[in-house]
């Protein structure tokens, strides 16, 4: 059994929070070599490298981020213990690290954040945005508590994660008013205007391809855009028609910046999942969202 030296862990915690050993020296009133030696001892006892040097900066490794998460819990709890013993009020701040895949509608992300603050008004939320693969890596290393995604977790990685479908948004074709005037017969006239699509990783891409192939429609694809907000803006600018969910374009349709084309495709959906790591100890906010948060249109 490894006996963890809490002094070593504390010095690591301060350095990680301050961002450098030099800044930690001022907090700890210790010399730089002393602090460096303590961190080296912690790395040796754990058998893991916790920091990498990058352009004179200390960057946490994946193992370092995991250790920091537990160190946060340990030392924040210790402070609460001291406050309780001395009868000092100490309202616990609940933190959650949230990853959002960049193809998810910003309106869906906004709804999720509203639910977090409704559940815990004092919550401190950190939001990361990007592609699914790095988000899953952060989940696996426990640097992130939960990921909001509209892309399916790859089969080969599914054993490491749990997912809950929180909704499936319908998809409609929209275009700027000028482009929409060229579409008299939907969906056949989609061949007369350029079409913008999400990238192929998105279930929407596959659904739209199936919808068009079944009707023997071969449109001119002018772009595949990963970021849903950029896809929306390019559509408003008249760069092409696009398949988007009504939640994303609700205000654009109301203001006539965009126009809906026809009534289809009813069978193309944009599913949204919450993805969590397979582990016993879940962040309480993440646990609440997995159990209770669902999209209601």
C-alpha atoms as a PDB file:
ATOM      1  CA  UNK A   1       0.000   0.000   0.000  1.00  0.00           C
ATOM      2  CA  UNK A   2       1.301   3.450  -0.977  1.00  0.00           C
ATOM      3  CA  UNK A   3       1.317   5.908   1.926  1.00  0.00           C
ATOM      4  CA  UNK A   4       0.520   9.324   0.469  1.00  0.00           C
ATOM      5  CA  UNK A   5       2.546  12.207   1.880  1.00  0.00           C
ATOM      6  CA  UNK A   6       0.023  15.031   2.237  1.00  0.00           C
ATOM      7  CA  UNK A   7       2.768  17.659   2.448  1.00  0.00           C
ATOM      8  CA  UNK A   8       3.999  16.635  -1.004  1.00  0.00           C
ATOM      9  CA  UNK A   9       0.422  16.651  -2.287  1.00  0.00           C
ATOM     10  CA  UNK A  10      -0.202  20.091  -0.815  1.00  0.00           C
ATOM     11  CA  UNK A  11       2.871  21.588  -2.491  1.00  0.00           C
ATOM     12  CA  UNK A  12       1.771  20.051  -5.803  1.00  0.00           C
ATOM     13  CA  UNK A  13      -1.742  21.485  -5.303  1.00  0.00           C
ATOM     14  CA  UNK A  14      -0.454  25.010  -4.707  1.00  0.00           C
ATOM     15  CA  UNK A  15       1.893  24.869  -7.721  1.00  0.00           C
ATOM     16  CA  UNK A  16      -0.880  23.545  -9.978  1.00  0.00           C
ATOM     17  CA  UNK A  17      -3.281  26.265  -8.849  1.00  0.00           C
ATOM     18  CA  UNK A  18      -0.706  29.052  -9.101  1.00  0.00           C
ATOM     19  CA  UNK A  19       0.580  27.875 -12.464  1.00  0.00           C
ATOM     20  CA  UNK A  20       4.292  27.978 -11.631  1.00  0.00           C
ATOM     21  CA  UNK A  21       6.771  27.082  -8.910  1.00  0.00           C
ATOM     22  CA  UNK A  22       7.924  30.710  -8.744  1.00  0.00           C
ATOM     23  CA  UNK A  23       4.412  31.916  -7.834  1.00  0.00           C
ATOM     24  CA  UNK A  24       3.971  29.044  -5.375  1.00  0.00           C
ATOM     25  CA  UNK A  25       7.157  30.153  -3.563  1.00  0.00           C
ATOM     26  CA  UNK A  26       5.398  33.365  -2.530  1.00  0.00           C
ATOM     27  CA  UNK A  27       2.424  31.434  -1.173  1.00  0.00           C
ATOM     28  CA  UNK A  28       4.396  28.760   0.645  1.00  0.00           C
ATOM     29  CA  UNK A  29       7.352  30.887   1.811  1.00  0.00           C
ATOM     30  CA  UNK A  30       9.710  28.199   0.552  1.00  0.00           C
ATOM     31  CA  UNK A  31      12.630  28.217  -1.883  1.00  0.00           C
ATOM     32  CA  UNK A  32      12.121  26.922  -5.421  1.00  0.00           C
ATOM     33  CA  UNK A  33      14.471  23.900  -5.038  1.00  0.00           C
ATOM     34  CA  UNK A  34      12.578  22.798  -1.930  1.00  0.00           C
ATOM     35  CA  UNK A  35       9.221  22.827  -3.702  1.00  0.00           C
ATOM     36  CA  UNK A  36      10.657  21.124  -6.799  1.00  0.00           C
ATOM     37  CA  UNK A  37      12.098  18.347  -4.623  1.00  0.00           C
ATOM     38  CA  UNK A  38       8.719  17.789  -2.919  1.00  0.00           C
ATOM     39  CA  UNK A  39       6.940  17.438  -6.271  1.00  0.00           C
ATOM     40  CA  UNK A  40       9.594  15.031  -7.541  1.00  0.00           C
ATOM     41  CA  UNK A  41       9.054  12.932  -4.418  1.00  0.00           C
ATOM     42  CA  UNK A  42       5.286  12.895  -5.060  1.00  0.00           C
ATOM     43  CA  UNK A  43       5.837  11.815  -8.674  1.00  0.00           C
ATOM     44  CA  UNK A  44       8.152   9.026  -7.503  1.00  0.00           C
ATOM     45  CA  UNK A  45       5.674   7.780  -4.900  1.00  0.00           C
ATOM     46  CA  UNK A  46       2.829   7.747  -7.450  1.00  0.00           C
ATOM     47  CA  UNK A  47       4.976   6.436 -10.287  1.00  0.00           C
ATOM     48  CA  UNK A  48       3.489   9.099 -12.588  1.00  0.00           C
ATOM     49  CA  UNK A  49       4.752  12.312 -14.159  1.00  0.00           C
ATOM     50  CA  UNK A  50       2.471  15.175 -13.093  1.00  0.00           C
ATOM     51  CA  UNK A  51       3.931  18.136 -15.004  1.00  0.00           C
ATOM     52  CA  UNK A  52       5.481  18.719 -18.421  1.00  0.00           C
ATOM     53  CA  UNK A  53       7.595  21.768 -19.250  1.00  0.00           C
ATOM     54  CA  UNK A  54       6.448  23.685 -22.298  1.00  0.00           C
ATOM     55  CA  UNK A  55       8.190  26.950 -23.211  1.00  0.00           C
ATOM     56  CA  UNK A  56       9.206  27.528 -19.576  1.00  0.00           C
ATOM     57  CA  UNK A  57       5.646  26.857 -18.421  1.00  0.00           C
ATOM     58  CA  UNK A  58       4.456  23.971 -16.273  1.00  0.00           C
ATOM     59  CA  UNK A  59       1.657  22.037 -17.957  1.00  0.00           C
ATOM     60  CA  UNK A  60      -0.311  19.364 -16.114  1.00  0.00           C
ATOM     61  CA  UNK A  61      -0.189  15.901 -17.655  1.00  0.00           C
ATOM     62  CA  UNK A  62      -3.359  13.789 -17.795  1.00  0.00           C
ATOM     63  CA  UNK A  63      -2.259  12.122 -14.556  1.00  0.00           C
ATOM     64  CA  UNK A  64      -1.531  15.571 -13.118  1.00  0.00           C
ATOM     65  CA  UNK A  65      -5.079  16.731 -13.886  1.00  0.00           C
ATOM     66  CA  UNK A  66      -6.488  13.638 -12.206  1.00  0.00           C
ATOM     67  CA  UNK A  67      -4.345  14.180  -9.098  1.00  0.00           C
ATOM     68  CA  UNK A  68      -5.364  17.859  -9.034  1.00  0.00           C
ATOM     69  CA  UNK A  69      -9.049  16.921  -9.070  1.00  0.00           C
ATOM     70  CA  UNK A  70      -8.593  14.740  -5.982  1.00  0.00           C
ATOM     71  CA  UNK A  71      -6.305  17.294  -4.309  1.00  0.00           C
ATOM     72  CA  UNK A  72      -9.012  19.946  -4.783  1.00  0.00           C
ATOM     73  CA  UNK A  73     -11.528  17.694  -3.051  1.00  0.00           C
ATOM     74  CA  UNK A  74      -9.110  16.780  -0.232  1.00  0.00           C
ATOM     75  CA  UNK A  75      -7.992  20.312   0.654  1.00  0.00           C
ATOM     76  CA  UNK A  76     -11.379  21.960   0.151  1.00  0.00           C
ATOM     77  CA  UNK A  77     -12.900  19.359   2.474  1.00  0.00           C
ATOM     78  CA  UNK A  78     -10.102  19.956   4.981  1.00  0.00           C
ATOM     79  CA  UNK A  79     -10.911  23.668   4.978  1.00  0.00           C
ATOM     80  CA  UNK A  80     -14.595  22.900   5.535  1.00  0.00           C
ATOM     81  CA  UNK A  81     -13.627  20.699   8.474  1.00  0.00           C
ATOM     82  CA  UNK A  82     -11.661  23.553  10.066  1.00  0.00           C
ATOM     83  CA  UNK A  83     -14.530  25.972   9.468  1.00  0.00           C
ATOM     84  CA  UNK A  84     -17.010  23.548  11.021  1.00  0.00           C
ATOM     85  CA  UNK A  85     -14.810  22.960  14.088  1.00  0.00           C
ATOM     86  CA  UNK A  86     -14.500  26.710  14.618  1.00  0.00           C
ATOM     87  CA  UNK A  87     -18.186  27.395  13.873  1.00  0.00           C
ATOM     88  CA  UNK A  88     -17.440  29.434  10.764  1.00  0.00           C
ATOM     89  CA  UNK A  89     -20.022  29.320   7.973  1.00  0.00           C
ATOM     90  CA  UNK A  90     -18.544  27.726   4.847  1.00  0.00           C
ATOM     91  CA  UNK A  91     -21.034  27.281   2.010  1.00  0.00           C
ATOM     92  CA  UNK A  92     -19.563  24.640  -0.267  1.00  0.00           C
ATOM     93  CA  UNK A  93     -19.005  25.798  -3.836  1.00  0.00           C
ATOM     94  CA  UNK A  94     -19.865  23.058  -6.310  1.00  0.00           C
ATOM     95  CA  UNK A  95     -17.591  22.927  -9.350  1.00  0.00           C
ATOM     96  CA  UNK A  96     -18.269  21.107 -12.618  1.00  0.00           C
ATOM     97  CA  UNK A  97     -16.112  20.718 -15.727  1.00  0.00           C
ATOM     98  CA  UNK A  98     -18.273  20.512 -18.838  1.00  0.00           C
ATOM     99  CA  UNK A  99     -17.186  19.594 -22.360  1.00  0.00           C
ATOM    100  CA  UNK A 100     -19.367  20.617 -25.304  1.00  0.00           C
ATOM    101  CA  UNK A 101     -18.809  19.148 -28.759  1.00  0.00           C
ATOM    102  CA  UNK A 102     -18.662  22.021 -31.228  1.00  0.00           C
ATOM    103  CA  UNK A 103     -21.420  20.608 -33.448  1.00  0.00           C
ATOM    104  CA  UNK A 104     -23.972  20.886 -30.627  1.00  0.00           C
ATOM    105  CA  UNK A 105     -26.482  23.716 -30.943  1.00  0.00           C
ATOM    106  CA  UNK A 106     -25.518  26.649 -28.715  1.00  0.00           C
ATOM    107  CA  UNK A 107     -29.154  26.861 -27.642  1.00  0.00           C
ATOM    108  CA  UNK A 108     -28.985  23.290 -26.298  1.00  0.00           C
ATOM    109  CA  UNK A 109     -25.780  24.159 -24.431  1.00  0.00           C
ATOM    110  CA  UNK A 110     -27.505  27.247 -23.005  1.00  0.00           C
ATOM    111  CA  UNK A 111     -30.429  25.125 -21.777  1.00  0.00           C
ATOM    112  CA  UNK A 112     -27.997  22.754 -20.055  1.00  0.00           C
ATOM    113  CA  UNK A 113     -26.206  25.625 -18.306  1.00  0.00           C
ATOM    114  CA  UNK A 114     -29.532  27.091 -17.174  1.00  0.00           C
ATOM    115  CA  UNK A 115     -30.388  23.753 -15.571  1.00  0.00           C
ATOM    116  CA  UNK A 116     -27.028  23.663 -13.780  1.00  0.00           C
ATOM    117  CA  UNK A 117     -27.573  27.109 -12.236  1.00  0.00           C
ATOM    118  CA  UNK A 118     -31.201  26.287 -11.421  1.00  0.00           C
ATOM    119  CA  UNK A 119     -30.021  23.189  -9.545  1.00  0.00           C
ATOM    120  CA  UNK A 120     -27.009  24.885  -7.928  1.00  0.00           C
ATOM    121  CA  UNK A 121     -27.106  28.715  -8.134  1.00  0.00           C
ATOM    122  CA  UNK A 122     -23.637  28.801  -6.531  1.00  0.00           C
ATOM    123  CA  UNK A 123     -22.105  26.436  -9.093  1.00  0.00           C
ATOM    124  CA  UNK A 124     -18.745  27.242 -10.674  1.00  0.00           C
ATOM    125  CA  UNK A 125     -18.847  25.922 -14.232  1.00  0.00           C
ATOM    126  CA  UNK A 126     -15.882  25.518 -16.576  1.00  0.00           C
ATOM    127  CA  UNK A 127     -16.845  24.929 -20.207  1.00  0.00           C
ATOM    128  CA  UNK A 128     -14.530  23.429 -22.837  1.00  0.00           C
ATOM    129  CA  UNK A 129     -15.528  23.254 -26.501  1.00  0.00           C
ATOM    130  CA  UNK A 130     -14.044  21.167 -29.281  1.00  0.00           C
ATOM    131  CA  UNK A 131     -14.133  17.872 -31.161  1.00  0.00           C
ATOM    132  CA  UNK A 132     -15.461  14.685 -29.537  1.00  0.00           C
ATOM    133  CA  UNK A 133     -12.191  12.727 -29.422  1.00  0.00           C
ATOM    134  CA  UNK A 134     -10.242  15.124 -27.148  1.00  0.00           C
ATOM    135  CA  UNK A 135     -13.367  15.561 -25.015  1.00  0.00           C
ATOM    136  CA  UNK A 136     -13.498  11.799 -24.437  1.00  0.00           C
ATOM    137  CA  UNK A 137      -9.802  11.788 -23.523  1.00  0.00           C
ATOM    138  CA  UNK A 138     -10.508  14.475 -20.909  1.00  0.00           C
ATOM    139  CA  UNK A 139     -13.406  12.418 -19.547  1.00  0.00           C
ATOM    140  CA  UNK A 140     -11.218   9.342 -19.280  1.00  0.00           C
ATOM    141  CA  UNK A 141      -8.551  11.259 -17.353  1.00  0.00           C
ATOM    142  CA  UNK A 142     -11.279  12.841 -15.157  1.00  0.00           C
ATOM    143  CA  UNK A 143     -10.277  16.359 -16.276  1.00  0.00           C
ATOM    144  CA  UNK A 144     -13.921  16.788 -17.385  1.00  0.00           C
ATOM    145  CA  UNK A 145     -17.035  15.594 -15.553  1.00  0.00           C
ATOM    146  CA  UNK A 146     -19.496  15.419 -18.430  1.00  0.00           C
ATOM    147  CA  UNK A 147     -19.633  15.904 -22.208  1.00  0.00           C
ATOM    148  CA  UNK A 148     -22.591  17.204 -24.213  1.00  0.00           C
ATOM    149  CA  UNK A 149     -22.432  15.647 -27.684  1.00  0.00           C
ATOM    150  CA  UNK A 150     -24.530  15.127 -30.799  1.00  0.00           C
ATOM    151  CA  UNK A 151     -21.957  12.659 -32.154  1.00  0.00           C
ATOM    152  CA  UNK A 152     -22.099   8.996 -31.187  1.00  0.00           C
ATOM    153  CA  UNK A 153     -19.263   7.645 -29.037  1.00  0.00           C
ATOM    154  CA  UNK A 154     -17.183   5.333 -31.293  1.00  0.00           C
ATOM    155  CA  UNK A 155     -17.912   1.629 -30.782  1.00  0.00           C
ATOM    156  CA  UNK A 156     -14.286   0.876 -29.937  1.00  0.00           C
ATOM    157  CA  UNK A 157     -14.390   3.406 -27.061  1.00  0.00           C
ATOM    158  CA  UNK A 158     -17.923   2.707 -25.801  1.00  0.00           C
ATOM    159  CA  UNK A 159     -16.776   0.402 -22.975  1.00  0.00           C
ATOM    160  CA  UNK A 160     -15.134   3.345 -21.181  1.00  0.00           C
ATOM    161  CA  UNK A 161     -18.187   5.637 -21.133  1.00  0.00           C
ATOM    162  CA  UNK A 162     -21.848   5.792 -20.273  1.00  0.00           C
ATOM    163  CA  UNK A 163     -24.299   7.898 -22.269  1.00  0.00           C
ATOM    164  CA  UNK A 164     -27.850   9.133 -21.871  1.00  0.00           C
ATOM    165  CA  UNK A 165     -29.830  10.459 -24.829  1.00  0.00           C
ATOM    166  CA  UNK A 166     -31.456  13.676 -23.644  1.00  0.00           C
ATOM    167  CA  UNK A 167     -33.368  14.351 -26.853  1.00  0.00           C
ATOM    168  CA  UNK A 168     -33.455  14.139 -30.640  1.00  0.00           C
ATOM    169  CA  UNK A 169     -34.044  17.401 -32.481  1.00  0.00           C
ATOM    170  CA  UNK A 170     -35.894  17.425 -35.805  1.00  0.00           C
ATOM    171  CA  UNK A 171     -34.031  18.803 -38.816  1.00  0.00           C
ATOM    172  CA  UNK A 172     -35.373  21.293 -41.357  1.00  0.00           C
ATOM    173  CA  UNK A 173     -33.808  22.817 -44.468  1.00  0.00           C
ATOM    174  CA  UNK A 174     -33.393  26.594 -44.290  1.00  0.00           C
ATOM    175  CA  UNK A 175     -31.970  29.238 -46.617  1.00  0.00           C
ATOM    176  CA  UNK A 176     -31.727  32.987 -46.967  1.00  0.00           C
ATOM    177  CA  UNK A 177     -34.836  34.587 -48.547  1.00  0.00           C
ATOM    178  CA  UNK A 178     -32.945  35.213 -51.817  1.00  0.00           C
ATOM    179  CA  UNK A 179     -31.919  31.551 -52.163  1.00  0.00           C
ATOM    180  CA  UNK A 180     -35.313  30.295 -50.982  1.00  0.00           C
ATOM    181  CA  UNK A 181     -37.011  32.031 -53.927  1.00  0.00           C
ATOM    182  CA  UNK A 182     -35.156  29.636 -56.260  1.00  0.00           C
ATOM    183  CA  UNK A 183     -36.716  26.601 -54.563  1.00  0.00           C
ATOM    184  CA  UNK A 184     -40.219  26.260 -55.973  1.00  0.00           C
ATOM    185  CA  UNK A 185     -40.487  22.480 -55.691  1.00  0.00           C
ATOM    186  CA  UNK A 186     -38.998  20.918 -52.544  1.00  0.00           C
ATOM    187  CA  UNK A 187     -36.860  18.885 -52.320  1.00  0.00           C
ATOM    188  CA  UNK A 188     -36.190  18.566 -56.071  1.00  0.00           C
ATOM    189  CA  UNK A 189     -35.068  22.182 -56.491  1.00  0.00           C
ATOM    190  CA  UNK A 190     -32.261  21.705 -53.960  1.00  0.00           C
ATOM    191  CA  UNK A 191     -30.191  20.938 -57.081  1.00  0.00           C
ATOM    192  CA  UNK A 192     -30.577  24.592 -58.112  1.00  0.00           C
ATOM    193  CA  UNK A 193     -28.812  26.082 -55.064  1.00  0.00           C
ATOM    194  CA  UNK A 194     -25.626  25.291 -53.122  1.00  0.00           C
ATOM    195  CA  UNK A 195     -25.984  23.144 -50.019  1.00  0.00           C
ATOM    196  CA  UNK A 196     -24.030  23.484 -46.763  1.00  0.00           C
ATOM    197  CA  UNK A 197     -23.775  20.439 -44.511  1.00  0.00           C
ATOM    198  CA  UNK A 198     -22.329  19.551 -41.108  1.00  0.00           C
ATOM    199  CA  UNK A 199     -19.209  17.378 -41.277  1.00  0.00           C
ATOM    200  CA  UNK A 200     -19.502  13.637 -41.849  1.00  0.00           C
ATOM    201  CA  UNK A 201     -19.075  12.764 -38.173  1.00  0.00           C
ATOM    202  CA  UNK A 202     -22.517  14.242 -37.511  1.00  0.00           C
ATOM    203  CA  UNK A 203     -25.589  11.949 -37.640  1.00  0.00           C
ATOM    204  CA  UNK A 204     -27.309  14.788 -39.531  1.00  0.00           C
ATOM    205  CA  UNK A 205     -24.894  14.364 -42.453  1.00  0.00           C
ATOM    206  CA  UNK A 206     -25.753  10.668 -42.776  1.00  0.00           C
ATOM    207  CA  UNK A 207     -29.481  11.343 -42.393  1.00  0.00           C
ATOM    208  CA  UNK A 208     -29.494  14.056 -45.063  1.00  0.00           C
ATOM    209  CA  UNK A 209     -27.456  11.897 -47.455  1.00  0.00           C
ATOM    210  CA  UNK A 210     -29.962   9.053 -47.034  1.00  0.00           C
ATOM    211  CA  UNK A 211     -32.910  11.428 -47.514  1.00  0.00           C
ATOM    212  CA  UNK A 212     -31.465  12.851 -50.759  1.00  0.00           C
ATOM    213  CA  UNK A 213     -30.327   9.471 -52.144  1.00  0.00           C
ATOM    214  CA  UNK A 214     -33.786   7.961 -51.620  1.00  0.00           C
ATOM    215  CA  UNK A 215     -35.202  10.773 -53.773  1.00  0.00           C
ATOM    216  CA  UNK A 216     -32.358  10.603 -56.329  1.00  0.00           C
ATOM    217  CA  UNK A 217     -31.364  14.206 -55.638  1.00  0.00           C
ATOM    218  CA  UNK A 218     -27.730  15.184 -56.215  1.00  0.00           C
ATOM    219  CA  UNK A 219     -27.163  18.714 -54.899  1.00  0.00           C
ATOM    220  CA  UNK A 220     -24.021  20.823 -55.193  1.00  0.00           C
ATOM    221  CA  UNK A 221     -22.276  20.657 -51.800  1.00  0.00           C
ATOM    222  CA  UNK A 222     -20.486  23.963 -51.265  1.00  0.00           C
ATOM    223  CA  UNK A 223     -19.103  23.182 -47.805  1.00  0.00           C
ATOM    224  CA  UNK A 224     -19.063  20.882 -44.771  1.00  0.00           C
ATOM    225  CA  UNK A 225     -18.913  22.940 -41.577  1.00  0.00           C
ATOM    226  CA  UNK A 226     -18.131  21.462 -38.161  1.00  0.00           C
ATOM    227  CA  UNK A 227     -19.241  24.395 -35.996  1.00  0.00           C
ATOM    228  CA  UNK A 228     -23.034  24.666 -36.011  1.00  0.00           C
ATOM    229  CA  UNK A 229     -22.980  28.399 -35.266  1.00  0.00           C
ATOM    230  CA  UNK A 230     -20.692  29.071 -38.237  1.00  0.00           C
ATOM    231  CA  UNK A 231     -22.954  26.889 -40.388  1.00  0.00           C
ATOM    232  CA  UNK A 232     -25.911  29.019 -39.335  1.00  0.00           C
ATOM    233  CA  UNK A 233     -24.103  32.308 -40.062  1.00  0.00           C
ATOM    234  CA  UNK A 234     -22.986  31.171 -43.520  1.00  0.00           C
ATOM    235  CA  UNK A 235     -26.577  30.169 -44.280  1.00  0.00           C
ATOM    236  CA  UNK A 236     -27.819  33.626 -43.241  1.00  0.00           C
ATOM    237  CA  UNK A 237     -25.185  35.142 -45.553  1.00  0.00           C
ATOM    238  CA  UNK A 238     -26.680  33.213 -48.482  1.00  0.00           C
ATOM    239  CA  UNK A 239     -23.741  30.847 -48.990  1.00  0.00           C
ATOM    240  CA  UNK A 240     -26.128  27.910 -49.275  1.00  0.00           C
ATOM    241  CA  UNK A 241     -29.140  26.152 -47.816  1.00  0.00           C
ATOM    242  CA  UNK A 242     -28.481  24.020 -44.730  1.00  0.00           C
ATOM    243  CA  UNK A 243     -30.128  21.342 -42.581  1.00  0.00           C
ATOM    244  CA  UNK A 244     -30.441  22.776 -39.070  1.00  0.00           C
ATOM    245  CA  UNK A 245     -32.669  22.135 -36.079  1.00  0.00           C
ATOM    246  CA  UNK A 246     -35.503  24.608 -35.348  1.00  0.00           C
ATOM    247  CA  UNK A 247     -34.026  25.488 -31.955  1.00  0.00           C
ATOM    248  CA  UNK A 248     -30.849  26.818 -33.563  1.00  0.00           C
ATOM    249  CA  UNK A 249     -32.690  28.963 -36.129  1.00  0.00           C
ATOM    250  CA  UNK A 250     -35.791  29.910 -34.108  1.00  0.00           C
ATOM    251  CA  UNK A 251     -35.013  33.653 -33.986  1.00  0.00           C
ATOM    252  CA  UNK A 252     -33.751  33.678 -37.581  1.00  0.00           C
ATOM    253  CA  UNK A 253     -37.034  32.229 -38.843  1.00  0.00           C
ATOM    254  CA  UNK A 254     -39.008  34.701 -36.755  1.00  0.00           C
ATOM    255  CA  UNK A 255     -37.041  37.672 -38.121  1.00  0.00           C
ATOM    256  CA  UNK A 256     -37.054  36.272 -41.684  1.00  0.00           C
ATOM    257  CA  UNK A 257     -33.268  36.173 -41.874  1.00  0.00           C
ATOM    258  CA  UNK A 258     -33.870  32.541 -42.820  1.00  0.00           C
ATOM    259  CA  UNK A 259     -36.785  30.794 -44.523  1.00  0.00           C
ATOM    260  CA  UNK A 260     -37.830  27.178 -44.137  1.00  0.00           C
ATOM    261  CA  UNK A 261     -37.758  25.144 -47.353  1.00  0.00           C
ATOM    262  CA  UNK A 262     -40.690  22.731 -47.721  1.00  0.00           C
ATOM    263  CA  UNK A 263     -41.897  20.418 -44.976  1.00  0.00           C
ATOM    264  CA  UNK A 264     -39.234  17.687 -44.866  1.00  0.00           C
ATOM    265  CA  UNK A 265     -37.203  15.785 -43.908  1.00  0.00           C
ATOM    266  CA  UNK A 266     -39.241  14.426 -41.004  1.00  0.00           C
ATOM    267  CA  UNK A 267     -37.094  11.343 -40.424  1.00  0.00           C
ATOM    268  CA  UNK A 268     -33.741  13.132 -40.065  1.00  0.00           C
ATOM    269  CA  UNK A 269     -32.882  13.809 -36.422  1.00  0.00           C
ATOM    270  CA  UNK A 270     -30.072  15.462 -34.482  1.00  0.00           C
ATOM    271  CA  UNK A 271     -29.714  13.313 -31.328  1.00  0.00           C
ATOM    272  CA  UNK A 272     -28.005  14.764 -28.264  1.00  0.00           C
ATOM    273  CA  UNK A 273     -26.277  12.764 -25.505  1.00  0.00           C
ATOM    274  CA  UNK A 274     -24.716  13.394 -22.149  1.00  0.00           C
ATOM    275  CA  UNK A 275     -21.581  11.267 -21.847  1.00  0.00           C
ATOM    276  CA  UNK A 276     -19.895  10.408 -18.554  1.00  0.00           C
ATOM    277  CA  UNK A 277     -16.917   8.226 -17.597  1.00  0.00           C
ATOM    278  CA  UNK A 278     -17.656   4.783 -16.213  1.00  0.00           C
ATOM    279  CA  UNK A 279     -16.748   5.290 -12.569  1.00  0.00           C
ATOM    280  CA  UNK A 280     -18.515   5.080  -9.222  1.00  0.00           C
ATOM    281  CA  UNK A 281     -17.915   8.634  -7.983  1.00  0.00           C
ATOM    282  CA  UNK A 282     -19.715  11.185 -10.157  1.00  0.00           C
ATOM    283  CA  UNK A 283     -19.796  14.925  -9.643  1.00  0.00           C
ATOM    284  CA  UNK A 284     -23.210  15.709  -7.989  1.00  0.00           C
ATOM    285  CA  UNK A 285     -24.116  18.217 -10.725  1.00  0.00           C
ATOM    286  CA  UNK A 286     -23.221  15.704 -13.446  1.00  0.00           C
ATOM    287  CA  UNK A 287     -25.282  13.082 -11.629  1.00  0.00           C
ATOM    288  CA  UNK A 288     -28.286  15.426 -11.478  1.00  0.00           C
ATOM    289  CA  UNK A 289     -28.067  16.235 -15.200  1.00  0.00           C
ATOM    290  CA  UNK A 290     -27.814  12.579 -16.211  1.00  0.00           C
ATOM    291  CA  UNK A 291     -30.880  11.711 -14.166  1.00  0.00           C
ATOM    292  CA  UNK A 292     -33.076  14.748 -14.794  1.00  0.00           C
ATOM    293  CA  UNK A 293     -32.082  16.918 -17.747  1.00  0.00           C
ATOM    294  CA  UNK A 294     -34.030  16.266 -20.947  1.00  0.00           C
ATOM    295  CA  UNK A 295     -34.732  18.471 -23.950  1.00  0.00           C
ATOM    296  CA  UNK A 296     -38.354  19.548 -24.079  1.00  0.00           C
ATOM    297  CA  UNK A 297     -39.330  21.333 -27.266  1.00  0.00           C
END
